[in-house]
Amino acid sequence: MVDEQQTLNVMTLSDALEGTLHKHLVQGPTGTELRLEAGLQQRLLTNIEKGVEYCRSEGFFRTAILCDPSFRRQLRRLIEKPFPHVAVISYVEVAPGFSVNNLFTIEL
């Protein structure tokens, strides 16, 4: 995920996808939840898988998804079973002095 030059190798979400995820955040009994229709959720997971496969084909075996902090935790919960090795971090969690290398943009 981080190389010797303090570069964070990540996948990002397209603006359209981030907007869609924002629209599907709802306040539930235990806090904010990400509620996606089954078809939309499956498309998202399929496209994350494409991103992971692309990164691996390019020699990057440890990558993270970089996203908006408002749904970072919910996105992590969604992908933790199918992609336990993929971290999800928000823009505000990138420490000063680190650069970001966007390897793949996840679309819907």
Protein backbone atom coordinates (compact mmCIF):
# COMPACT_ATOMS: atom_id res chain seq x y z
CA MET A 1 0.00 0.00 0.00
CA VAL A 2 2.87 2.40 0.81
CA ASP A 3 6.22 2.25 -0.95
CA GLU A 4 9.67 3.49 0.07
CA GLN A 5 8.99 6.99 -1.27
CA GLN A 6 5.95 7.34 1.01
CA THR A 7 3.57 6.93 -1.89
CA LEU A 8 0.16 5.53 -1.08
CA ASN A 9 -1.07 3.27 -3.90
CA VAL A 10 -4.86 3.52 -4.05
CA MET A 11 -8.01 3.03 -6.02
CA THR A 12 -10.40 5.96 -6.02
CA LEU A 13 -14.11 6.28 -6.65
CA SER A 14 -15.44 8.27 -9.59
CA ASP A 15 -17.30 11.48 -8.77
CA ALA A 16 -20.54 9.86 -9.96
CA LEU A 17 -20.01 6.86 -7.69
CA GLU A 18 -19.23 9.05 -4.68
CA GLY A 19 -22.42 11.02 -5.38
CA THR A 20 -24.43 7.80 -5.57
CA LEU A 21 -23.01 6.56 -2.27
CA HIS A 22 -23.82 9.90 -0.61
CA LYS A 23 -27.44 9.58 -1.80
CA HIS A 24 -27.71 6.13 -0.24
CA LEU A 25 -26.54 7.14 3.24
CA VAL A 26 -29.43 6.95 5.69
CA GLN A 27 -29.72 7.41 9.40
CA GLY A 28 -30.50 4.04 11.00
CA PRO A 29 -31.02 2.94 14.60
CA THR A 30 -27.30 2.29 15.06
CA GLY A 31 -26.02 5.32 13.13
CA THR A 32 -25.45 6.17 9.51
CA GLU A 33 -25.90 3.24 7.12
CA LEU A 34 -25.17 2.72 3.45
CA ARG A 35 -28.30 1.17 1.91
CA LEU A 36 -27.77 0.03 -1.65
CA GLU A 37 -30.21 -1.92 -3.79
CA ALA A 38 -28.95 -5.45 -4.43
CA GLY A 39 -28.16 -4.81 -8.10
CA LEU A 40 -26.27 -1.61 -7.35
CA GLN A 41 -24.32 -3.28 -4.55
CA GLN A 42 -23.37 -6.17 -6.83
CA ARG A 43 -22.18 -3.78 -9.59
CA LEU A 44 -20.07 -1.91 -7.05
CA LEU A 45 -18.47 -5.12 -5.73
CA THR A 46 -17.84 -6.35 -9.27
CA ASN A 47 -16.11 -3.10 -10.19
CA ILE A 48 -14.01 -3.16 -7.02
CA GLU A 49 -12.96 -6.68 -8.00
CA LYS A 50 -11.94 -5.37 -11.45
CA GLY A 51 -9.85 -2.71 -9.74
CA VAL A 52 -8.17 -5.20 -7.43
CA GLU A 53 -7.39 -7.48 -10.39
CA TYR A 54 -5.99 -4.57 -12.41
CA CYS A 55 -3.75 -3.45 -9.54
CA ARG A 56 -2.44 -6.98 -9.07
CA SER A 57 -1.75 -7.30 -12.80
CA GLU A 58 0.36 -4.16 -12.51
CA GLY A 59 2.31 -5.60 -9.57
CA PHE A 60 0.49 -3.78 -6.75
CA PHE A 61 -0.69 -6.42 -4.31
CA ARG A 62 -1.45 -4.07 -1.41
CA THR A 63 -3.79 -1.26 -2.32
CA ALA A 64 -6.48 0.71 -0.56
CA ILE A 65 -9.64 2.51 -1.59
CA LEU A 66 -9.42 6.24 -0.97
CA CYS A 67 -12.81 7.86 -0.44
CA ASP A 68 -14.86 10.58 1.20
CA PRO A 69 -14.81 10.40 5.01
CA SER A 70 -18.61 10.58 5.23
CA PHE A 71 -19.00 6.96 4.08
CA ARG A 72 -15.57 5.39 4.67
CA ARG A 73 -16.72 3.20 7.55
CA GLN A 74 -19.86 2.06 5.73
CA LEU A 75 -17.90 1.21 2.57
CA ARG A 76 -15.41 -0.79 4.65
CA ARG A 77 -18.24 -2.79 6.20
CA LEU A 78 -19.66 -3.51 2.77
CA ILE A 79 -16.40 -4.86 1.35
CA GLU A 80 -14.81 -6.49 4.40
CA LYS A 81 -16.01 -10.03 3.61
CA PRO A 82 -15.37 -10.16 -0.15
CA PHE A 83 -12.17 -8.06 0.07
CA PRO A 84 -10.67 -8.42 3.57
CA HIS A 85 -7.23 -7.40 2.27
CA VAL A 86 -8.40 -4.04 0.82
CA ALA A 87 -8.20 -1.14 3.25
CA VAL A 88 -10.60 1.79 2.97
CA ILE A 89 -9.21 5.16 3.99
CA SER A 90 -10.56 8.68 3.73
CA TYR A 91 -8.88 11.72 2.25
CA VAL A 92 -8.36 13.20 5.71
CA GLU A 93 -6.42 10.12 6.87
CA VAL A 94 -3.57 10.65 4.40
CA ALA A 95 -0.72 11.95 6.53
CA PRO A 96 1.28 15.01 5.49
CA GLY A 97 4.32 14.08 3.43
CA PHE A 98 2.62 11.18 1.69
CA SER A 99 1.78 11.30 -1.99
CA VAL A 100 -1.10 9.43 -3.59
CA ASN A 101 -0.77 7.23 -6.67
CA ASN A 102 -4.21 6.54 -8.16
CA LEU A 103 -3.91 3.15 -9.82
CA PHE A 104 -7.56 2.68 -10.76
CA THR A 105 -10.81 4.65 -10.63
CA ILE A 106 -13.83 2.60 -9.64
CA GLU A 107 -16.92 3.46 -11.68
CA LEU A 108 -20.49 2.23 -11.54
